[in-house]
C-alpha atoms as a PDB file:
ATOM      1  CA  UNK A   1      -0.225 -23.626  -4.532  1.00  0.00           C
ATOM      2  CA  UNK A   2       3.468 -23.702  -3.552  1.00  0.00           C
ATOM      3  CA  UNK A   3       4.358 -21.200  -6.270  1.00  0.00           C
ATOM      4  CA  UNK A   4       1.427 -19.031  -5.280  1.00  0.00           C
ATOM      5  CA  UNK A   5       2.581 -19.081  -1.657  1.00  0.00           C
ATOM      6  CA  UNK A   6       6.131 -18.128  -2.584  1.00  0.00           C
ATOM      7  CA  UNK A   7       4.909 -15.351  -4.833  1.00  0.00           C
ATOM      8  CA  UNK A   8       2.458 -14.235  -2.167  1.00  0.00           C
ATOM      9  CA  UNK A   9       5.124 -14.145   0.542  1.00  0.00           C
ATOM     10  CA  UNK A  10       7.563 -12.360  -1.740  1.00  0.00           C
ATOM     11  CA  UNK A  11       4.912  -9.829  -2.718  1.00  0.00           C
ATOM     12  CA  UNK A  12       3.798  -9.462   0.861  1.00  0.00           C
ATOM     13  CA  UNK A  13       7.167  -8.377   2.170  1.00  0.00           C
ATOM     14  CA  UNK A  14       8.831  -6.847  -0.853  1.00  0.00           C
ATOM     15  CA  UNK A  15       8.270  -3.410  -2.178  1.00  0.00           C
ATOM     16  CA  UNK A  16       8.124   0.004  -0.635  1.00  0.00           C
ATOM     17  CA  UNK A  17       4.910  -0.564   1.293  1.00  0.00           C
ATOM     18  CA  UNK A  18       6.805  -2.800   3.709  1.00  0.00           C
ATOM     19  CA  UNK A  19       9.972  -1.252   5.061  1.00  0.00           C
ATOM     20  CA  UNK A  20      10.565  -4.359   7.157  1.00  0.00           C
ATOM     21  CA  UNK A  21      12.725  -7.029   5.603  1.00  0.00           C
ATOM     22  CA  UNK A  22      11.393 -10.505   5.096  1.00  0.00           C
ATOM     23  CA  UNK A  23      13.114 -13.429   6.707  1.00  0.00           C
ATOM     24  CA  UNK A  24      11.773 -16.892   5.959  1.00  0.00           C
ATOM     25  CA  UNK A  25      12.728 -19.464   8.565  1.00  0.00           C
ATOM     26  CA  UNK A  26      14.526 -22.663   7.580  1.00  0.00           C
ATOM     27  CA  UNK A  27      11.533 -24.590   8.870  1.00  0.00           C
ATOM     28  CA  UNK A  28       9.175 -22.725   6.531  1.00  0.00           C
ATOM     29  CA  UNK A  29      11.604 -23.140   3.622  1.00  0.00           C
ATOM     30  CA  UNK A  30      11.613 -26.918   4.218  1.00  0.00           C
ATOM     31  CA  UNK A  31       7.822 -26.954   4.468  1.00  0.00           C
ATOM     32  CA  UNK A  32       7.502 -25.083   1.184  1.00  0.00           C
ATOM     33  CA  UNK A  33       9.746 -27.632  -0.521  1.00  0.00           C
ATOM     34  CA  UNK A  34       7.518 -30.526   0.552  1.00  0.00           C
ATOM     35  CA  UNK A  35       4.153 -28.809   0.248  1.00  0.00           C
ATOM     36  CA  UNK A  36       1.446 -30.350  -1.903  1.00  0.00           C
ATOM     37  CA  UNK A  37       0.473 -27.715  -4.498  1.00  0.00           C
ATOM     38  CA  UNK A  38      -3.195 -27.923  -3.420  1.00  0.00           C
ATOM     39  CA  UNK A  39      -2.765 -27.597   0.334  1.00  0.00           C
ATOM     40  CA  UNK A  40      -2.445 -24.635   2.623  1.00  0.00           C
ATOM     41  CA  UNK A  41       0.279 -24.093   5.187  1.00  0.00           C
ATOM     42  CA  UNK A  42       0.219 -22.114   8.410  1.00  0.00           C
ATOM     43  CA  UNK A  43       2.614 -19.211   8.870  1.00  0.00           C
ATOM     44  CA  UNK A  44       3.326 -16.620  11.511  1.00  0.00           C
ATOM     45  CA  UNK A  45       4.109 -13.193  10.185  1.00  0.00           C
ATOM     46  CA  UNK A  46       6.135 -11.509  12.908  1.00  0.00           C
ATOM     47  CA  UNK A  47       6.480  -7.803  12.269  1.00  0.00           C
ATOM     48  CA  UNK A  48       9.883  -6.444  13.198  1.00  0.00           C
ATOM     49  CA  UNK A  49       8.469  -3.135  14.344  1.00  0.00           C
ATOM     50  CA  UNK A  50       7.705  -3.923  17.984  1.00  0.00           C
ATOM     51  CA  UNK A  51       7.021  -1.784  21.033  1.00  0.00           C
ATOM     52  CA  UNK A  52      10.125  -1.224  23.125  1.00  0.00           C
ATOM     53  CA  UNK A  53       8.640  -2.607  26.336  1.00  0.00           C
ATOM     54  CA  UNK A  54      11.801  -2.014  28.384  1.00  0.00           C
ATOM     55  CA  UNK A  55      11.840   1.691  27.596  1.00  0.00           C
ATOM     56  CA  UNK A  56       8.103   1.975  28.202  1.00  0.00           C
ATOM     57  CA  UNK A  57       8.477   0.160  31.521  1.00  0.00           C
ATOM     58  CA  UNK A  58      11.310   2.473  32.611  1.00  0.00           C
ATOM     59  CA  UNK A  59       9.235   5.532  31.760  1.00  0.00           C
ATOM     60  CA  UNK A  60       6.200   4.228  33.655  1.00  0.00           C
ATOM     61  CA  UNK A  61       8.423   3.414  36.619  1.00  0.00           C
ATOM     62  CA  UNK A  62      10.037   6.853  36.445  1.00  0.00           C
ATOM     63  CA  UNK A  63       6.670   8.610  36.684  1.00  0.00           C
ATOM     64  CA  UNK A  64       5.518   6.176  39.391  1.00  0.00           C
ATOM     65  CA  UNK A  65       2.495   5.162  37.322  1.00  0.00           C
ATOM     66  CA  UNK A  66      -0.415   3.474  39.049  1.00  0.00           C
ATOM     67  CA  UNK A  67      -1.164  -0.110  38.117  1.00  0.00           C
ATOM     68  CA  UNK A  68      -4.303   0.988  36.274  1.00  0.00           C
ATOM     69  CA  UNK A  69      -2.464   3.691  34.309  1.00  0.00           C
ATOM     70  CA  UNK A  70       0.394   1.285  33.556  1.00  0.00           C
ATOM     71  CA  UNK A  71      -1.969  -1.397  32.240  1.00  0.00           C
ATOM     72  CA  UNK A  72      -3.929   1.049  30.087  1.00  0.00           C
ATOM     73  CA  UNK A  73      -0.759   2.635  28.695  1.00  0.00           C
ATOM     74  CA  UNK A  74       0.790  -0.712  27.761  1.00  0.00           C
ATOM     75  CA  UNK A  75      -2.445  -1.935  26.136  1.00  0.00           C
ATOM     76  CA  UNK A  76      -2.937   1.310  24.186  1.00  0.00           C
ATOM     77  CA  UNK A  77       0.697   1.358  23.046  1.00  0.00           C
ATOM     78  CA  UNK A  78       0.621  -2.252  21.838  1.00  0.00           C
ATOM     79  CA  UNK A  79      -2.704  -1.775  20.057  1.00  0.00           C
ATOM     80  CA  UNK A  80      -1.506   1.420  18.379  1.00  0.00           C
ATOM     81  CA  UNK A  81       1.705  -0.251  17.152  1.00  0.00           C
ATOM     82  CA  UNK A  82      -0.286  -3.126  15.658  1.00  0.00           C
ATOM     83  CA  UNK A  83      -2.728  -0.717  14.037  1.00  0.00           C
ATOM     84  CA  UNK A  84       0.131   1.299  12.500  1.00  0.00           C
ATOM     85  CA  UNK A  85       2.087  -1.680  11.159  1.00  0.00           C
ATOM     86  CA  UNK A  86      -0.359  -4.489  10.390  1.00  0.00           C
ATOM     87  CA  UNK A  87      -2.776  -2.588   8.161  1.00  0.00           C
ATOM     88  CA  UNK A  88      -1.090  -3.122   4.779  1.00  0.00           C
ATOM     89  CA  UNK A  89      -0.412  -6.811   5.528  1.00  0.00           C
ATOM     90  CA  UNK A  90      -4.001  -7.382   6.635  1.00  0.00           C
ATOM     91  CA  UNK A  91      -5.278  -5.672   3.500  1.00  0.00           C
ATOM     92  CA  UNK A  92      -3.284  -8.033   1.289  1.00  0.00           C
ATOM     93  CA  UNK A  93      -4.429 -11.039   3.308  1.00  0.00           C
ATOM     94  CA  UNK A  94      -8.042  -9.863   3.034  1.00  0.00           C
ATOM     95  CA  UNK A  95      -7.747  -9.495  -0.743  1.00  0.00           C
ATOM     96  CA  UNK A  96      -5.990 -12.836  -1.140  1.00  0.00           C
ATOM     97  CA  UNK A  97      -8.647 -14.535   0.992  1.00  0.00           C
ATOM     98  CA  UNK A  98     -11.261 -13.310  -1.471  1.00  0.00           C
ATOM     99  CA  UNK A  99      -9.128 -14.921  -4.240  1.00  0.00           C
ATOM    100  CA  UNK A 100      -8.860 -18.228  -2.356  1.00  0.00           C
ATOM    101  CA  UNK A 101      -5.132 -17.949  -1.715  1.00  0.00           C
ATOM    102  CA  UNK A 102      -5.587 -17.363   2.006  1.00  0.00           C
ATOM    103  CA  UNK A 103      -7.780 -19.679   4.024  1.00  0.00           C
ATOM    104  CA  UNK A 104      -7.793 -17.650   7.237  1.00  0.00           C
ATOM    105  CA  UNK A 105      -5.811 -15.121   9.216  1.00  0.00           C
ATOM    106  CA  UNK A 106      -5.843 -13.706  12.725  1.00  0.00           C
ATOM    107  CA  UNK A 107      -4.005 -10.603  13.890  1.00  0.00           C
ATOM    108  CA  UNK A 108      -2.581 -10.278  17.393  1.00  0.00           C
ATOM    109  CA  UNK A 109      -1.823  -6.841  18.805  1.00  0.00           C
ATOM    110  CA  UNK A 110      -0.154  -8.128  21.981  1.00  0.00           C
ATOM    111  CA  UNK A 111       2.877  -9.434  20.072  1.00  0.00           C
ATOM    112  CA  UNK A 112       2.384  -7.706  16.691  1.00  0.00           C
ATOM    113  CA  UNK A 113       2.056 -11.029  14.912  1.00  0.00           C
ATOM    114  CA  UNK A 114      -0.338 -12.290  12.259  1.00  0.00           C
ATOM    115  CA  UNK A 115      -1.234 -15.962  11.938  1.00  0.00           C
ATOM    116  CA  UNK A 116      -2.274 -16.998   8.448  1.00  0.00           C
ATOM    117  CA  UNK A 117      -3.128 -20.167   6.619  1.00  0.00           C
ATOM    118  CA  UNK A 118      -2.031 -19.534   3.041  1.00  0.00           C
END
């Protein structure tokens, strides 16, 4: 399972479909070294493409946005960013779940992060 995970992670972030560069934390590297080949491990996939909240906040402040408009704009912007960037990763996770290489995954639009047990 360790080799599958490494291959999966390399495949997941390599290639032209993912312009973001993969960075594996030291903690995950250590976990991979000690992982039983038959067990799953939990990972957070943090996409680098994030909403620039500071710029959005400045623009909303500049136009004197109401609290309701501000909330809806922030929510819509975060959801749209996640929809634009998470799709290919979620597709791979979905396919790998069908193959038994992924136990579960959950996507989060608020922070553009995907939790997965792979």
